[in-house]
Protein backbone atom coordinates (compact mmCIF):
# COMPACT_ATOMS: atom_id res chain seq x y z
CA UNK A 1 20.43 -14.31 4.58
CA UNK A 2 21.09 -10.58 5.63
CA UNK A 3 18.66 -9.13 8.26
CA UNK A 4 20.31 -5.61 8.42
CA UNK A 5 19.12 -2.78 10.72
CA UNK A 6 20.47 0.83 11.14
CA UNK A 7 20.20 1.81 14.84
CA UNK A 8 19.54 5.45 15.62
CA UNK A 9 18.84 7.41 18.65
CA UNK A 10 17.15 10.76 19.26
CA UNK A 11 18.31 12.98 22.35
CA UNK A 12 15.58 15.43 23.78
CA UNK A 13 15.60 17.51 26.93
CA UNK A 14 12.54 16.86 29.02
CA UNK A 15 10.81 19.82 30.44
CA UNK A 16 8.57 17.72 32.57
CA UNK A 17 11.84 16.37 34.23
CA UNK A 18 13.67 19.53 34.77
CA UNK A 19 15.16 19.14 31.25
CA UNK A 20 16.83 16.03 32.02
CA UNK A 21 18.34 14.09 28.91
CA UNK A 22 16.12 11.42 27.39
CA UNK A 23 17.21 9.11 24.81
CA UNK A 24 14.74 7.59 22.09
CA UNK A 25 15.81 4.61 20.18
CA UNK A 26 14.70 3.63 16.66
CA UNK A 27 15.64 1.27 13.78
CA UNK A 28 15.90 1.47 9.73
CA UNK A 29 15.39 -2.03 8.82
CA UNK A 30 16.30 -3.27 5.28
CA UNK A 31 14.15 -5.79 3.74
CA UNK A 32 16.53 -8.94 2.90
CA UNK A 33 14.87 -9.27 -0.57
CA UNK A 34 13.93 -5.83 -2.14
CA UNK A 35 16.05 -3.49 -0.05
CA UNK A 36 12.91 -1.62 0.94
CA UNK A 37 13.29 0.22 4.36
CA UNK A 38 10.97 0.17 7.29
CA UNK A 39 11.32 2.32 10.35
CA UNK A 40 10.73 0.94 13.89
CA UNK A 41 9.83 3.98 15.97
CA UNK A 42 6.95 5.57 17.78
CA UNK A 43 6.93 2.79 20.33
CA UNK A 44 3.83 2.25 22.42
CA UNK A 45 1.92 -0.40 24.16
CA UNK A 46 0.33 -2.76 21.65
CA UNK A 47 -3.12 -2.23 23.06
CA UNK A 48 -5.95 -0.20 21.46
CA UNK A 49 -9.51 0.52 22.47
CA UNK A 50 -12.23 -0.92 19.98
CA UNK A 51 -15.20 1.17 19.03
CA UNK A 52 -18.88 0.70 19.74
CA UNK A 53 -19.40 -1.94 16.95
CA UNK A 54 -23.25 -1.81 17.44
CA UNK A 55 -23.09 1.91 16.76
CA UNK A 56 -20.39 1.33 13.95
CA UNK A 57 -22.83 -1.27 12.09
CA UNK A 58 -26.07 0.18 12.96
CA UNK A 59 -28.06 1.18 9.68
CA UNK A 60 -25.28 -0.02 7.26
CA UNK A 61 -27.41 -3.03 6.33
CA UNK A 62 -30.15 -0.75 4.84
CA UNK A 63 -27.89 0.51 2.05
CA UNK A 64 -25.62 -2.52 1.62
CA UNK A 65 -25.62 -3.72 -1.81
CA UNK A 66 -24.57 -7.08 -0.86
CA UNK A 67 -27.35 -7.73 1.56
CA UNK A 68 -30.49 -9.90 0.83
CA UNK A 69 -31.90 -9.87 -2.72
CA UNK A 70 -29.87 -6.90 -3.71
CA UNK A 71 -26.75 -8.82 -4.48
CA UNK A 72 -28.56 -10.46 -7.46
CA UNK A 73 -30.44 -7.41 -8.36
CA UNK A 74 -28.10 -4.37 -8.62
CA UNK A 75 -24.69 -5.97 -9.04
CA UNK A 76 -23.16 -6.42 -12.44
CA UNK A 77 -22.72 -9.47 -14.58
CA UNK A 78 -19.67 -10.94 -16.36
CA UNK A 79 -19.74 -11.45 -20.01
CA UNK A 80 -21.25 -14.60 -21.15
CA UNK A 81 -17.99 -15.63 -22.98
CA UNK A 82 -16.00 -15.25 -19.55
CA UNK A 83 -18.75 -16.39 -16.87
CA UNK A 84 -21.76 -18.18 -18.66
CA UNK A 85 -24.25 -17.55 -15.92
CA UNK A 86 -23.12 -14.05 -15.56
CA UNK A 87 -22.20 -14.25 -11.75
CA UNK A 88 -20.83 -17.31 -9.90
CA UNK A 89 -22.97 -18.56 -6.84
CA UNK A 90 -22.00 -21.29 -4.06
CA UNK A 91 -24.29 -21.54 -1.33
CA UNK A 92 -24.67 -17.96 -0.04
CA UNK A 93 -21.52 -16.62 -1.59
CA UNK A 94 -21.47 -14.66 -4.74
CA UNK A 95 -18.76 -13.49 -7.16
CA UNK A 96 -19.57 -10.71 -9.55
CA UNK A 97 -17.60 -7.90 -11.59
CA UNK A 98 -16.19 -5.17 -9.51
CA UNK A 99 -18.03 -1.89 -10.66
CA UNK A 100 -14.74 -0.13 -9.57
CA UNK A 101 -12.27 -2.62 -11.03
CA UNK A 102 -8.43 -2.42 -10.63
CA UNK A 103 -7.90 -4.08 -13.81
CA UNK A 104 -9.54 -5.65 -16.95
CA UNK A 105 -10.64 -8.90 -14.97
CA UNK A 106 -11.81 -7.30 -11.54
CA UNK A 107 -14.42 -8.89 -9.10
CA UNK A 108 -15.97 -8.87 -5.78
CA UNK A 109 -16.47 -12.25 -3.80
CA UNK A 110 -18.90 -12.04 -0.72
CA UNK A 111 -18.36 -14.14 2.35
CA UNK A 112 -22.13 -14.81 2.15
CA UNK A 113 -25.25 -13.34 3.31
CA UNK A 114 -24.35 -12.31 6.92
CA UNK A 115 -23.84 -8.50 6.85
CA UNK A 116 -21.44 -8.24 9.69
CA UNK A 117 -19.09 -10.80 11.00
CA UNK A 118 -16.75 -9.78 13.90
CA UNK A 119 -13.05 -10.55 12.94
CA UNK A 120 -12.82 -13.58 15.61
CA UNK A 121 -16.14 -15.07 14.03
CA UNK A 122 -14.46 -15.98 10.69
CA UNK A 123 -13.96 -19.78 11.03
CA UNK A 124 -11.03 -21.56 9.13
CA UNK A 125 -13.92 -23.58 7.21
CA UNK A 126 -15.51 -20.36 6.35
CA UNK A 127 -12.30 -18.83 4.87
CA UNK A 128 -11.17 -21.83 3.19
CA UNK A 129 -14.51 -22.21 1.43
CA UNK A 130 -14.28 -18.61 0.32
CA UNK A 131 -10.74 -18.89 -0.84
CA UNK A 132 -11.76 -22.12 -2.77
CA UNK A 133 -14.62 -20.34 -4.48
CA UNK A 134 -12.13 -17.67 -5.94
CA UNK A 135 -9.85 -20.33 -7.03
CA UNK A 136 -12.73 -21.56 -8.98
CA UNK A 137 -13.18 -18.29 -10.60
CA UNK A 138 -9.51 -18.05 -11.36
CA UNK A 139 -9.60 -21.34 -13.08
CA UNK A 140 -12.46 -20.37 -15.17
CA UNK A 141 -10.74 -17.09 -16.17
CA UNK A 142 -7.54 -19.21 -17.19
CA UNK A 143 -9.75 -21.92 -19.03
CA UNK A 144 -11.38 -19.03 -21.14
CA UNK A 145 -7.88 -18.21 -22.34
CA UNK A 146 -8.10 -14.45 -21.41
CA UNK A 147 -5.09 -12.66 -21.79
CA UNK A 148 -5.05 -11.07 -18.29
CA UNK A 149 -5.02 -14.51 -16.75
CA UNK A 150 -1.42 -14.29 -15.63
CA UNK A 151 -1.36 -13.16 -11.87
CA UNK A 152 -4.29 -14.06 -9.88
CA UNK A 153 -4.84 -11.95 -6.64
CA UNK A 154 -6.81 -11.72 -3.67
CA UNK A 155 -7.03 -8.39 -1.61
CA UNK A 156 -8.95 -8.35 1.71
CA UNK A 157 -9.80 -5.16 3.08
CA UNK A 158 -11.56 -5.84 6.35
CA UNK A 159 -13.34 -3.06 8.03
CA UNK A 160 -12.99 0.81 7.68
CA UNK A 161 -9.44 1.20 9.02
CA UNK A 162 -8.31 -0.95 6.34
CA UNK A 163 -9.90 0.98 3.46
CA UNK A 164 -13.18 -1.01 3.23
CA UNK A 165 -16.13 1.09 2.34
CA UNK A 166 -18.64 -1.59 3.32
CA UNK A 167 -19.31 -3.69 6.66
CA UNK A 168 -20.31 -6.64 4.78
CA UNK A 169 -17.25 -8.85 4.53
CA UNK A 170 -15.98 -9.41 0.88
CA UNK A 171 -12.69 -10.05 -1.19
CA UNK A 172 -11.38 -8.13 -3.76
CA UNK A 173 -10.22 -10.51 -6.62
CA UNK A 174 -8.56 -9.73 -9.94
CA UNK A 175 -6.41 -11.36 -12.57
CA UNK A 176 -3.93 -9.19 -14.23
CA UNK A 177 -0.78 -9.32 -16.67
CA UNK A 178 0.47 -6.40 -14.76
CA UNK A 179 1.93 -7.21 -11.51
CA UNK A 180 1.57 -4.70 -8.67
CA UNK A 181 4.45 -2.59 -7.75
CA UNK A 182 5.72 -4.67 -4.44
CA UNK A 183 4.93 -7.97 -6.12
CA UNK A 184 6.83 -7.12 -9.15
CA UNK A 185 9.72 -6.25 -7.26
CA UNK A 186 9.76 -9.27 -5.31
CA UNK A 187 9.34 -11.28 -8.33
CA UNK A 188 12.57 -9.61 -9.85
CA UNK A 189 14.31 -9.71 -6.76
CA UNK A 190 13.69 -13.57 -6.31
CA UNK A 191 15.10 -14.28 -9.70
CA UNK A 192 18.33 -12.08 -8.92
CA UNK A 193 18.68 -13.87 -5.65
CA UNK A 194 18.55 -17.13 -7.40
CA UNK A 195 21.18 -16.04 -10.05
CA UNK A 196 23.45 -14.82 -7.30
CA UNK A 197 23.05 -17.56 -4.60
CA UNK A 198 21.81 -20.66 -6.65
CA UNK A 199 18.99 -21.13 -4.21
CA UNK A 200 15.61 -19.84 -3.66
CA UNK A 201 15.29 -17.02 -1.36
CA UNK A 202 11.97 -18.00 0.26
CA UNK A 203 13.10 -21.32 1.12
CA UNK A 204 16.27 -19.67 2.48
CA UNK A 205 14.20 -17.27 4.36
CA UNK A 206 12.00 -19.94 5.97
CA UNK A 207 15.20 -21.82 7.02
CA UNK A 208 17.00 -18.84 8.64
CA UNK A 209 13.81 -17.68 10.41
CA UNK A 210 13.16 -21.21 11.89
CA UNK A 211 16.88 -21.45 12.86
CA UNK A 212 16.85 -18.07 14.80
CA UNK A 213 13.42 -18.41 16.20
CA UNK A 214 12.92 -14.67 16.82
CA UNK A 215 10.26 -14.18 14.42
CA UNK A 216 9.27 -17.60 13.29
CA UNK A 217 5.63 -18.61 14.53
CA UNK A 218 5.33 -22.05 13.30
CA UNK A 219 4.23 -24.46 10.41
CA UNK A 220 0.69 -25.44 9.46
CA UNK A 221 0.84 -28.14 6.79
CA UNK A 222 3.25 -26.72 4.26
CA UNK A 223 2.59 -23.11 5.00
CA UNK A 224 5.33 -21.39 7.30
CA UNK A 225 4.17 -18.28 9.41
CA UNK A 226 6.51 -15.67 10.64
CA UNK A 227 6.39 -11.85 11.75
CA UNK A 228 8.00 -9.99 8.98
CA UNK A 229 11.52 -8.36 9.52
CA UNK A 230 10.50 -5.18 7.86
CA UNK A 231 7.00 -4.66 8.43
CA UNK A 232 4.65 -2.32 6.43
CA UNK A 233 1.95 -2.29 9.04
CA UNK A 234 2.15 -0.28 12.37
CA UNK A 235 1.31 -3.34 14.46
CA UNK A 236 3.54 -5.49 12.14
CA UNK A 237 2.97 -7.85 9.50
CA UNK A 238 2.76 -11.77 9.32
CA UNK A 239 4.10 -13.56 6.48
CA UNK A 240 3.05 -17.07 5.21
CA UNK A 241 4.96 -18.83 2.68
CA UNK A 242 3.70 -22.04 1.18
CA UNK A 243 6.37 -24.63 0.20
CA UNK A 244 6.78 -25.47 -3.51
CA UNK A 245 3.75 -23.25 -4.57
CA UNK A 246 4.85 -20.63 -7.09
CA UNK A 247 1.49 -19.13 -7.72
CA UNK A 248 -2.21 -18.90 -6.63
CA UNK A 249 -3.05 -21.83 -8.87
CA UNK A 250 -0.71 -24.06 -7.23
CA UNK A 251 -2.61 -24.14 -4.07
CA UNK A 252 -4.32 -27.28 -2.87
CA UNK A 253 -7.63 -27.50 -0.95
CA UNK A 254 -5.15 -28.49 2.13
CA UNK A 255 -3.27 -25.47 1.58
CA UNK A 256 -6.47 -23.19 1.75
CA UNK A 257 -7.48 -24.89 4.97
CA UNK A 258 -4.01 -24.33 6.39
CA UNK A 259 -3.79 -20.56 5.38
CA UNK A 260 -7.45 -20.19 6.78
CA UNK A 261 -6.16 -21.87 10.08
CA UNK A 262 -3.20 -19.48 10.52
CA UNK A 263 -5.42 -16.46 9.53
CA UNK A 264 -7.86 -17.34 12.39
CA UNK A 265 -5.24 -17.54 14.76
CA UNK A 266 -3.95 -14.38 13.75
CA UNK A 267 -7.16 -12.74 14.09
CA UNK A 268 -7.79 -13.97 17.75
CA UNK A 269 -4.34 -12.79 18.78
CA UNK A 270 -4.67 -9.31 17.21
CA UNK A 271 -8.19 -9.09 18.63
CA UNK A 272 -6.76 -9.38 22.14
CA UNK A 273 -4.79 -6.36 21.44
CA UNK A 274 -7.76 -4.32 20.52
CA UNK A 275 -7.21 -4.48 16.93
CA UNK A 276 -10.35 -5.18 14.64
CA UNK A 277 -9.29 -4.56 10.94
CA UNK A 278 -6.79 -5.67 8.47
CA UNK A 279 -5.61 -6.01 5.03
CA UNK A 280 -4.49 -9.52 3.49
CA UNK A 281 -2.90 -9.92 0.20
CA UNK A 282 -1.77 -12.76 -1.83
CA UNK A 283 1.46 -12.60 -3.51
CA UNK A 284 1.80 -14.68 -6.66
CA UNK A 285 4.17 -15.26 -9.34
CA UNK A 286 3.18 -17.69 -12.56
CA UNK A 287 3.76 -21.30 -13.13
CA UNK A 288 7.14 -22.02 -13.86
CA UNK A 289 8.66 -19.07 -11.62
CA UNK A 290 10.51 -21.68 -9.52
CA UNK A 291 12.57 -18.75 -8.06
CA UNK A 292 9.46 -17.65 -6.24
CA UNK A 293 7.14 -18.93 -3.46
CA UNK A 294 3.39 -18.01 -3.09
CA UNK A 295 2.96 -16.03 -0.06
CA UNK A 296 0.40 -13.86 1.88
CA UNK A 297 0.83 -10.90 4.04
CA UNK A 298 -1.56 -10.22 6.89
CA UNK A 299 -1.37 -6.76 7.99
CA UNK A 300 -3.57 -5.14 10.82
CA UNK A 301 -4.89 -1.81 10.64
CA UNK A 302 -5.94 0.95 12.97
CA UNK A 303 -6.57 4.57 13.42
CA UNK A 304 -3.86 6.81 15.10
CA UNK A 305 -6.82 8.63 16.60
CA UNK A 306 -9.94 6.91 16.59
CA UNK A 307 -11.99 10.00 17.60
CA UNK A 308 -10.78 12.13 14.62
CA UNK A 309 -10.76 8.98 12.23
CA UNK A 310 -6.88 9.55 11.65
CA UNK A 311 -5.57 6.96 9.28
CA UNK A 312 -2.47 5.01 10.19
CA UNK A 313 -0.82 6.06 6.88
CA UNK A 314 0.54 9.46 6.66
CA UNK A 315 3.04 11.29 4.36
CA UNK A 316 5.76 9.08 5.12
CA UNK A 317 3.99 6.00 3.77
CA UNK A 318 1.76 7.72 1.13
CA UNK A 319 4.42 9.79 -0.62
CA UNK A 320 7.83 8.14 0.28
CA UNK A 321 6.33 4.53 0.55
CA UNK A 322 8.53 4.39 3.72
CA UNK A 323 6.73 2.32 6.50
CA UNK A 324 6.24 2.56 10.09
CA UNK A 325 5.99 -0.04 12.96
CA UNK A 326 5.40 0.91 16.46
CA UNK A 327 7.12 -2.07 17.84
CA UNK A 328 9.77 -4.46 17.38
CA UNK A 329 8.66 -7.32 15.33
CA UNK A 330 10.17 -9.85 17.72
CA UNK A 331 8.17 -8.30 20.44
CA UNK A 332 4.90 -8.73 18.47
CA UNK A 333 5.88 -12.26 17.60
CA UNK A 334 5.92 -13.09 21.38
CA UNK A 335 2.46 -11.80 21.66
CA UNK A 336 1.20 -13.84 18.64
CA UNK A 337 2.97 -16.96 19.54
CA UNK A 338 0.99 -17.30 22.67
CA UNK A 339 -2.05 -18.34 20.50
CA UNK A 340 0.00 -19.90 17.48
């Protein structure tokens, strides 16, 4: 397992200190699996100012399509041969087709009737129930024999900085025969690693991170948590690898509880830094892909400039797909480990 970093240094003359020389470090880290590069730079204190949530949320319930009776009045229904009742309901959670789908089988899963849930108010039980409900949907798609029932993916965009256009918490859910770019690259690279080394990359990664202790956070059940060596988010990413699980449909009820417990701990820790928004994605292969391990990535999101609404993704990420993190993942790990 190679954790490679190219260390660089910028030299500037500081006019505020009589043109004295200042040296600014940075790193280009290489993802051990895919070779994707991430830049560690723009170092700053990991502390942000939260917005006025009352002002942010005020009035949004009035036009929210997921609130009250509207969720069963204006949201679409699935074809009867896929979901016979049109929409799936469990307590106050609802799954219905995404009106702007990513793929042939695209759905939205609400967390329930509550319009605004602060990040630290998501309980492990609530998240585990929502994930379990989504797995029921995936299993029904699989049982229907739909040709898109290959990769079963969950995206979570929580709050506007993470790309959510609605305050009401929900998951974006889809089954697809076409793996998204990074997931496809990971699946292919995992097979190449198995062919070259005779072992599973993800098992080797967990062992290496546990051994070094620099980025490993801990184990919950069969789920291993660690800060990513080459993160994609500006405040780092956390990776959770599930032992012996190759795909979403391999997950057990206990796995979902363990994942939800870890996510709740991360939300609490990042909340203390002033962060209140995140992306979370499932990365899955298919049954029989023994070279792969199901994992999720949790990536906090923020604005570079809250007053202007400047997103934390600029030209470097949007066009070059080159990521930027504003602190060393090992330093982020130390902050997260306090509550893990």
